C-alpha atoms as a PDB file:
ATOM      1  CA  MET A   1      39.314 -25.517 -33.145  1.00  0.00           C
ATOM      2  CA  ASN A   2      38.316 -23.889 -29.892  1.00  0.00           C
ATOM      3  CA  PRO A   3      40.778 -24.986 -27.173  1.00  0.00           C
ATOM      4  CA  LYS A   4      37.976 -24.823 -24.610  1.00  0.00           C
ATOM      5  CA  GLU A   5      36.555 -28.138 -25.782  1.00  0.00           C
ATOM      6  CA  ASN A   6      33.340 -26.807 -27.281  1.00  0.00           C
ATOM      7  CA  TYR A   7      31.834 -30.227 -27.863  1.00  0.00           C
ATOM      8  CA  SER A   8      28.623 -29.634 -25.921  1.00  0.00           C
ATOM      9  CA  THR A   9      26.537 -30.295 -29.041  1.00  0.00           C
ATOM     10  CA  PHE A  10      28.575 -33.289 -30.164  1.00  0.00           C
ATOM     11  CA  SER A  11      26.360 -36.145 -31.289  1.00  0.00           C
ATOM     12  CA  TYR A  12      27.202 -39.542 -29.912  1.00  0.00           C
ATOM     13  CA  SER A  13      25.458 -42.873 -29.685  1.00  0.00           C
ATOM     14  CA  PHE A  14      23.861 -44.128 -26.467  1.00  0.00           C
ATOM     15  CA  PHE A  15      24.378 -47.575 -25.030  1.00  0.00           C
ATOM     16  CA  THR A  16      20.917 -49.094 -24.714  1.00  0.00           C
ATOM     17  CA  LYS A  17      20.783 -51.939 -22.253  1.00  0.00           C
ATOM     18  CA  LYS A  18      18.562 -52.770 -19.329  1.00  0.00           C
ATOM     19  CA  ASP A  19      20.051 -51.555 -16.088  1.00  0.00           C
ATOM     20  CA  MET A  20      20.752 -54.929 -14.543  1.00  0.00           C
ATOM     21  CA  HIS A  21      23.043 -53.124 -12.127  1.00  0.00           C
ATOM     22  CA  PRO A  22      21.503 -49.830 -10.982  1.00  0.00           C
ATOM     23  CA  ILE A  23      23.379 -46.553 -11.068  1.00  0.00           C
ATOM     24  CA  HIS A  24      22.468 -44.351  -8.117  1.00  0.00           C
ATOM     25  CA  THR A  25      22.437 -40.567  -8.110  1.00  0.00           C
ATOM     26  CA  LYS A  26      23.752 -39.075  -4.882  1.00  0.00           C
ATOM     27  CA  THR A  27      24.814 -35.781  -3.384  1.00  0.00           C
ATOM     28  CA  ILE A  28      27.581 -35.910  -0.824  1.00  0.00           C
ATOM     29  CA  GLN A  29      28.961 -33.117   1.297  1.00  0.00           C
ATOM     30  CA  ILE A  30      32.660 -32.365   1.303  1.00  0.00           C
ATOM     31  CA  ASP A  31      33.665 -29.559   3.664  1.00  0.00           C
ATOM     32  CA  SER A  32      30.017 -28.370   3.637  1.00  0.00           C
ATOM     33  CA  CYS A  33      29.973 -28.269  -0.185  1.00  0.00           C
ATOM     34  CA  ASP A  34      27.594 -30.407  -2.263  1.00  0.00           C
ATOM     35  CA  ILE A  35      29.153 -32.738  -4.828  1.00  0.00           C
ATOM     36  CA  HIS A  36      26.972 -34.724  -7.220  1.00  0.00           C
ATOM     37  CA  ILE A  37      28.043 -38.285  -7.974  1.00  0.00           C
ATOM     38  CA  LEU A  38      26.838 -41.367  -9.800  1.00  0.00           C
ATOM     39  CA  GLN A  39      27.607 -44.659  -8.074  1.00  0.00           C
ATOM     40  CA  GLY A  40      27.017 -48.331  -8.796  1.00  0.00           C
ATOM     41  CA  GLY A  41      28.372 -51.768  -8.020  1.00  0.00           C
ATOM     42  CA  GLU A  42      29.179 -53.780  -4.932  1.00  0.00           C
ATOM     43  CA  ASN A  43      32.902 -54.322  -5.359  1.00  0.00           C
ATOM     44  CA  PRO A  44      34.647 -51.411  -3.603  1.00  0.00           C
ATOM     45  CA  LYS A  45      38.023 -53.160  -3.963  1.00  0.00           C
ATOM     46  CA  THR A  46      37.882 -52.515  -7.704  1.00  0.00           C
ATOM     47  CA  THR A  47      36.258 -49.142  -8.279  1.00  0.00           C
ATOM     48  CA  LEU A  48      36.666 -47.088 -11.418  1.00  0.00           C
ATOM     49  CA  LEU A  49      36.397 -43.365 -10.722  1.00  0.00           C
ATOM     50  CA  PHE A  50      35.516 -41.222 -13.738  1.00  0.00           C
ATOM     51  CA  LEU A  51      36.334 -37.545 -14.102  1.00  0.00           C
ATOM     52  CA  HIS A  52      35.070 -35.432 -17.013  1.00  0.00           C
ATOM     53  CA  GLY A  53      36.281 -32.912 -19.564  1.00  0.00           C
ATOM     54  CA  LYS A  54      35.535 -29.194 -19.542  1.00  0.00           C
ATOM     55  CA  ALA A  55      32.383 -29.440 -21.688  1.00  0.00           C
ATOM     56  CA  PHE A  56      31.014 -32.572 -20.002  1.00  0.00           C
ATOM     57  CA  GLN A  57      29.837 -34.034 -16.695  1.00  0.00           C
ATOM     58  CA  ALA A  58      29.335 -37.297 -14.817  1.00  0.00           C
ATOM     59  CA  GLU A  59      26.115 -37.964 -16.721  1.00  0.00           C
ATOM     60  CA  THR A  60      28.110 -38.163 -19.970  1.00  0.00           C
ATOM     61  CA  TRP A  61      29.595 -41.478 -18.861  1.00  0.00           C
ATOM     62  CA  LYS A  62      26.139 -42.843 -18.101  1.00  0.00           C
ATOM     63  CA  GLU A  63      24.643 -41.696 -21.403  1.00  0.00           C
ATOM     64  CA  LEU A  64      27.562 -43.147 -23.328  1.00  0.00           C
ATOM     65  CA  GLY A  65      27.029 -46.520 -21.641  1.00  0.00           C
ATOM     66  CA  THR A  66      30.469 -46.624 -20.050  1.00  0.00           C
ATOM     67  CA  LEU A  67      29.236 -46.958 -16.473  1.00  0.00           C
ATOM     68  CA  GLN A  68      26.883 -49.789 -17.390  1.00  0.00           C
ATOM     69  CA  ALA A  69      29.559 -51.568 -19.430  1.00  0.00           C
ATOM     70  CA  VAL A  70      31.868 -51.529 -16.403  1.00  0.00           C
ATOM     71  CA  LEU A  71      29.130 -52.611 -14.004  1.00  0.00           C
ATOM     72  CA  ASP A  72      28.155 -55.498 -16.264  1.00  0.00           C
ATOM     73  CA  GLU A  73      31.696 -56.858 -15.888  1.00  0.00           C
ATOM     74  CA  GLY A  74      31.425 -56.941 -12.094  1.00  0.00           C
ATOM     75  CA  PHE A  75      33.323 -53.771 -11.210  1.00  0.00           C
ATOM     76  CA  SER A  76      32.119 -50.754  -9.264  1.00  0.00           C
ATOM     77  CA  VAL A  77      31.885 -47.213 -10.620  1.00  0.00           C
ATOM     78  CA  LEU A  78      31.942 -43.663  -9.370  1.00  0.00           C
ATOM     79  CA  ALA A  79      31.523 -40.602 -11.579  1.00  0.00           C
ATOM     80  CA  LEU A  80      31.583 -37.115 -10.140  1.00  0.00           C
ATOM     81  CA  ASP A  81      30.733 -33.583 -11.174  1.00  0.00           C
ATOM     82  CA  LEU A  82      33.557 -31.247 -10.274  1.00  0.00           C
ATOM     83  CA  PRO A  83      32.453 -27.982  -8.597  1.00  0.00           C
ATOM     84  CA  GLY A  84      30.784 -25.721 -11.140  1.00  0.00           C
ATOM     85  CA  PHE A  85      30.039 -28.569 -13.560  1.00  0.00           C
ATOM     86  CA  GLY A  86      26.934 -30.684 -14.062  1.00  0.00           C
ATOM     87  CA  LYS A  87      24.885 -30.752 -10.859  1.00  0.00           C
ATOM     88  CA  SER A  88      27.681 -29.685  -8.496  1.00  0.00           C
ATOM     89  CA  PRO A  89      27.460 -25.983  -7.606  1.00  0.00           C
ATOM     90  CA  GLU A  90      30.504 -23.743  -7.572  1.00  0.00           C
ATOM     91  CA  ALA A  91      32.654 -24.350  -4.520  1.00  0.00           C
ATOM     92  CA  SER A  92      36.091 -23.443  -3.261  1.00  0.00           C
ATOM     93  CA  LEU A  93      37.299 -27.046  -3.295  1.00  0.00           C
ATOM     94  CA  THR A  94      40.352 -28.246  -5.140  1.00  0.00           C
ATOM     95  CA  PRO A  95      39.873 -31.218  -7.483  1.00  0.00           C
ATOM     96  CA  GLU A  96      42.238 -33.168  -5.223  1.00  0.00           C
ATOM     97  CA  ARG A  97      40.016 -32.528  -2.204  1.00  0.00           C
ATOM     98  CA  VAL A  98      36.931 -33.530  -4.183  1.00  0.00           C
ATOM     99  CA  ILE A  99      38.434 -36.855  -5.252  1.00  0.00           C
ATOM    100  CA  ASN A 100      39.678 -37.587  -1.738  1.00  0.00           C
ATOM    101  CA  GLY A 101      36.286 -36.695  -0.292  1.00  0.00           C
ATOM    102  CA  VAL A 102      34.382 -38.871  -2.740  1.00  0.00           C
ATOM    103  CA  MET A 103      36.677 -41.790  -1.998  1.00  0.00           C
ATOM    104  CA  GLU A 104      36.268 -41.337   1.755  1.00  0.00           C
ATOM    105  CA  ALA A 105      32.480 -41.112   1.506  1.00  0.00           C
ATOM    106  CA  SER A 106      32.347 -44.209  -0.690  1.00  0.00           C
ATOM    107  CA  GLY A 107      34.758 -46.331   1.343  1.00  0.00           C
ATOM    108  CA  CYS A 108      37.320 -46.635  -1.454  1.00  0.00           C
ATOM    109  CA  GLU A 109      40.948 -47.039  -0.502  1.00  0.00           C
ATOM    110  CA  LYS A 110      42.185 -47.571  -4.061  1.00  0.00           C
ATOM    111  CA  ILE A 111      40.774 -46.647  -7.442  1.00  0.00           C
ATOM    112  CA  ILE A 112      41.348 -46.944 -11.143  1.00  0.00           C
ATOM    113  CA  LEU A 113      41.196 -43.298 -12.172  1.00  0.00           C
ATOM    114  CA  ILE A 114      39.937 -42.223 -15.604  1.00  0.00           C
ATOM    115  CA  GLY A 115      40.169 -38.701 -16.979  1.00  0.00           C
ATOM    116  CA  PRO A 116      39.727 -37.137 -20.426  1.00  0.00           C
ATOM    117  CA  SER A 117      41.353 -33.832 -21.398  1.00  0.00           C
ATOM    118  CA  MET A 118      40.995 -31.465 -18.403  1.00  0.00           C
ATOM    119  CA  GLY A 119      39.967 -34.467 -16.303  1.00  0.00           C
ATOM    120  CA  GLY A 120      43.096 -36.252 -17.472  1.00  0.00           C
ATOM    121  CA  LYS A 121      45.279 -33.447 -16.153  1.00  0.00           C
ATOM    122  CA  ILE A 122      43.479 -33.641 -12.809  1.00  0.00           C
ATOM    123  CA  ALA A 123      43.805 -37.445 -12.763  1.00  0.00           C
ATOM    124  CA  MET A 124      47.490 -37.283 -13.602  1.00  0.00           C
ATOM    125  CA  GLU A 125      48.282 -34.697 -10.923  1.00  0.00           C
ATOM    126  CA  PHE A 126      46.183 -36.490  -8.298  1.00  0.00           C
ATOM    127  CA  THR A 127      48.038 -39.720  -9.033  1.00  0.00           C
ATOM    128  CA  LEU A 128      51.426 -38.040  -8.704  1.00  0.00           C
ATOM    129  CA  ASN A 129      50.399 -36.876  -5.225  1.00  0.00           C
ATOM    130  CA  HIS A 130      48.696 -40.134  -4.190  1.00  0.00           C
ATOM    131  CA  LEU A 131      50.497 -43.011  -5.890  1.00  0.00           C
ATOM    132  CA  GLU A 132      49.441 -45.402  -3.141  1.00  0.00           C
ATOM    133  CA  MET A 133      45.739 -44.758  -3.858  1.00  0.00           C
ATOM    134  CA  VAL A 134      45.701 -45.248  -7.637  1.00  0.00           C
ATOM    135  CA  GLU A 135      45.760 -48.829  -8.839  1.00  0.00           C
ATOM    136  CA  GLY A 136      45.499 -47.848 -12.485  1.00  0.00           C
ATOM    137  CA  LEU A 137      45.360 -44.658 -14.532  1.00  0.00           C
ATOM    138  CA  VAL A 138      43.586 -43.944 -17.824  1.00  0.00           C
ATOM    139  CA  LEU A 139      44.496 -40.713 -19.621  1.00  0.00           C
ATOM    140  CA  ILE A 140      42.427 -39.686 -22.658  1.00  0.00           C
ATOM    141  CA  GLY A 141      43.622 -36.790 -24.804  1.00  0.00           C
ATOM    142  CA  THR A 142      45.073 -35.295 -21.660  1.00  0.00           C
ATOM    143  CA  VAL A 143      46.115 -31.653 -21.430  1.00  0.00           C
ATOM    144  CA  GLY A 144      48.804 -30.306 -19.097  1.00  0.00           C
ATOM    145  CA  ILE A 145      51.443 -32.817 -20.173  1.00  0.00           C
ATOM    146  CA  GLU A 146      54.215 -30.293 -20.687  1.00  0.00           C
ATOM    147  CA  GLU A 147      53.828 -28.634 -17.298  1.00  0.00           C
ATOM    148  CA  ASN A 148      54.119 -32.038 -15.602  1.00  0.00           C
ATOM    149  CA  ARG A 149      56.833 -33.335 -17.916  1.00  0.00           C
ATOM    150  CA  ASN A 150      59.502 -33.635 -15.217  1.00  0.00           C
ATOM    151  CA  HIS A 151      57.299 -35.944 -13.142  1.00  0.00           C
ATOM    152  CA  LEU A 152      55.769 -38.222 -15.779  1.00  0.00           C
ATOM    153  CA  ALA A 153      58.201 -41.059 -15.061  1.00  0.00           C
ATOM    154  CA  GLN A 154      56.679 -41.354 -11.559  1.00  0.00           C
ATOM    155  CA  LEU A 155      53.268 -42.369 -12.928  1.00  0.00           C
ATOM    156  CA  PRO A 156      52.341 -46.043 -12.487  1.00  0.00           C
ATOM    157  CA  SER A 157      53.178 -48.646 -15.102  1.00  0.00           C
ATOM    158  CA  ALA A 158      49.467 -49.549 -15.071  1.00  0.00           C
ATOM    159  CA  THR A 159      48.664 -46.509 -17.205  1.00  0.00           C
ATOM    160  CA  LEU A 160      46.509 -46.608 -20.329  1.00  0.00           C
ATOM    161  CA  ILE A 161      47.005 -43.733 -22.768  1.00  0.00           C
ATOM    162  CA  VAL A 162      44.135 -43.150 -25.208  1.00  0.00           C
ATOM    163  CA  TRP A 163      44.266 -40.603 -28.011  1.00  0.00           C
ATOM    164  CA  GLY A 164      42.350 -39.634 -31.105  1.00  0.00           C
ATOM    165  CA  GLU A 165      44.487 -39.744 -34.234  1.00  0.00           C
ATOM    166  CA  ASN A 166      43.193 -36.321 -35.301  1.00  0.00           C
ATOM    167  CA  ASP A 167      43.112 -34.632 -31.885  1.00  0.00           C
ATOM    168  CA  GLN A 168      43.439 -30.882 -32.491  1.00  0.00           C
ATOM    169  CA  ILE A 169      43.303 -29.813 -28.843  1.00  0.00           C
ATOM    170  CA  SER A 170      45.977 -32.019 -27.271  1.00  0.00           C
ATOM    171  CA  ASP A 171      48.595 -33.007 -29.826  1.00  0.00           C
ATOM    172  CA  PRO A 172      48.830 -36.798 -30.281  1.00  0.00           C
ATOM    173  CA  GLU A 173      52.562 -36.379 -29.690  1.00  0.00           C
ATOM    174  CA  ASN A 174      51.642 -35.796 -26.048  1.00  0.00           C
ATOM    175  CA  GLY A 175      50.458 -39.396 -25.967  1.00  0.00           C
ATOM    176  CA  VAL A 176      53.779 -40.521 -27.425  1.00  0.00           C
ATOM    177  CA  LEU A 177      55.616 -38.535 -24.738  1.00  0.00           C
ATOM    178  CA  LEU A 178      53.541 -40.170 -22.011  1.00  0.00           C
ATOM    179  CA  GLU A 179      54.233 -43.650 -23.358  1.00  0.00           C
ATOM    180  CA  GLN A 180      57.955 -42.954 -23.594  1.00  0.00           C
ATOM    181  CA  SER A 181      58.058 -41.502 -20.069  1.00  0.00           C
ATOM    182  CA  ILE A 182      55.971 -44.106 -18.219  1.00  0.00           C
ATOM    183  CA  ALA A 183      57.651 -47.492 -18.173  1.00  0.00           C
ATOM    184  CA  GLY A 184      55.192 -50.293 -18.871  1.00  0.00           C
ATOM    185  CA  SER A 185      52.377 -48.017 -20.030  1.00  0.00           C
ATOM    186  CA  LYS A 186      50.173 -48.799 -23.025  1.00  0.00           C
ATOM    187  CA  ARG A 187      49.084 -46.341 -25.726  1.00  0.00           C
ATOM    188  CA  VAL A 188      46.032 -46.852 -27.958  1.00  0.00           C
ATOM    189  CA  VAL A 189      45.261 -44.522 -30.874  1.00  0.00           C
ATOM    190  CA  PHE A 190      41.699 -44.283 -32.195  1.00  0.00           C
ATOM    191  CA  ASN A 191      42.094 -44.017 -35.947  1.00  0.00           C
ATOM    192  CA  GLY A 192      40.259 -41.103 -37.534  1.00  0.00           C
ATOM    193  CA  ALA A 193      38.970 -39.786 -34.195  1.00  0.00           C
ATOM    194  CA  LYS A 194      39.233 -36.244 -32.887  1.00  0.00           C
ATOM    195  CA  HIS A 195      39.711 -35.001 -29.335  1.00  0.00           C
ATOM    196  CA  PRO A 196      36.672 -36.731 -27.740  1.00  0.00           C
ATOM    197  CA  CYS A 197      37.658 -40.071 -29.251  1.00  0.00           C
ATOM    198  CA  TYR A 198      35.724 -42.054 -26.630  1.00  0.00           C
ATOM    199  CA  LEU A 199      32.509 -40.315 -27.729  1.00  0.00           C
ATOM    200  CA  GLU A 200      33.173 -40.940 -31.404  1.00  0.00           C
ATOM    201  CA  GLN A 201      34.006 -44.634 -31.002  1.00  0.00           C
ATOM    202  CA  PRO A 202      32.244 -45.841 -27.820  1.00  0.00           C
ATOM    203  CA  ASP A 203      32.432 -49.564 -28.614  1.00  0.00           C
ATOM    204  CA  HIS A 204      36.181 -49.353 -29.213  1.00  0.00           C
ATOM    205  CA  TRP A 205      36.523 -47.279 -26.049  1.00  0.00           C
ATOM    206  CA  HIS A 206      34.648 -49.786 -23.894  1.00  0.00           C
ATOM    207  CA  GLN A 207      36.631 -52.728 -25.258  1.00  0.00           C
ATOM    208  CA  THR A 208      39.906 -50.878 -24.684  1.00  0.00           C
ATOM    209  CA  LEU A 209      39.015 -49.825 -21.141  1.00  0.00           C
ATOM    210  CA  LEU A 210      37.696 -53.207 -20.014  1.00  0.00           C
ATOM    211  CA  SER A 211      40.681 -55.067 -21.438  1.00  0.00           C
ATOM    212  CA  PHE A 212      42.993 -52.767 -19.477  1.00  0.00           C
ATOM    213  CA  VAL A 213      41.010 -53.094 -16.232  1.00  0.00           C
ATOM    214  CA  LYS A 214      40.765 -56.872 -16.425  1.00  0.00           C
ATOM    215  CA  ASN A 215      44.511 -57.084 -16.898  1.00  0.00           C
ATOM    216  CA  ILE A 216      45.063 -55.043 -13.736  1.00  0.00           C
ATOM    217  CA  VAL A 217      42.736 -57.013 -11.495  1.00  0.00           C
ATOM    218  CA  GLN A 218      43.802 -60.522 -12.589  1.00  0.00           C
END
């Protein structure tokens, strides 16, 4: 399988529900660079910030129904397009600067950070550098585990590790390593799923994510 996550034509189901809580499309400027975001909710104290994989974008989370599922439970959401992806043009901004800038523009002091694959690596490394800003961490089929191996134990206990049983891009053993390294973390394996397990099993994904989030914000 192509290690560059060539899932751009992957077929997944859409979550069809009336938008009781609107999701707004915005462009914010960070160091004079335009960054496209999706934003919804009125609870900035509990905001879930979604990153994306290499073949995807912020809109993926909206189409999948994840943003609406979170909003319907009373939480706030942010999803961003990294520079060069989706509707964000190429820019000489680091992912860390983008996340910081989006948080500043949105008035978020703490977030629950979600990242699949490439986005998981970014989420993991951002958290290691900003432990005080990340209330919870969700890593889905994350890459870059080995290069951060010596620092994994520093990640917060409120970490959810999600993996597809048949992931051929990031070995499921990486999920085992994360669970063993992060005290108090939780690992969930999606049986029969490949690398984009959240796309293959959206209902299971939403149930898993919301259960984790509700446990954090009790």
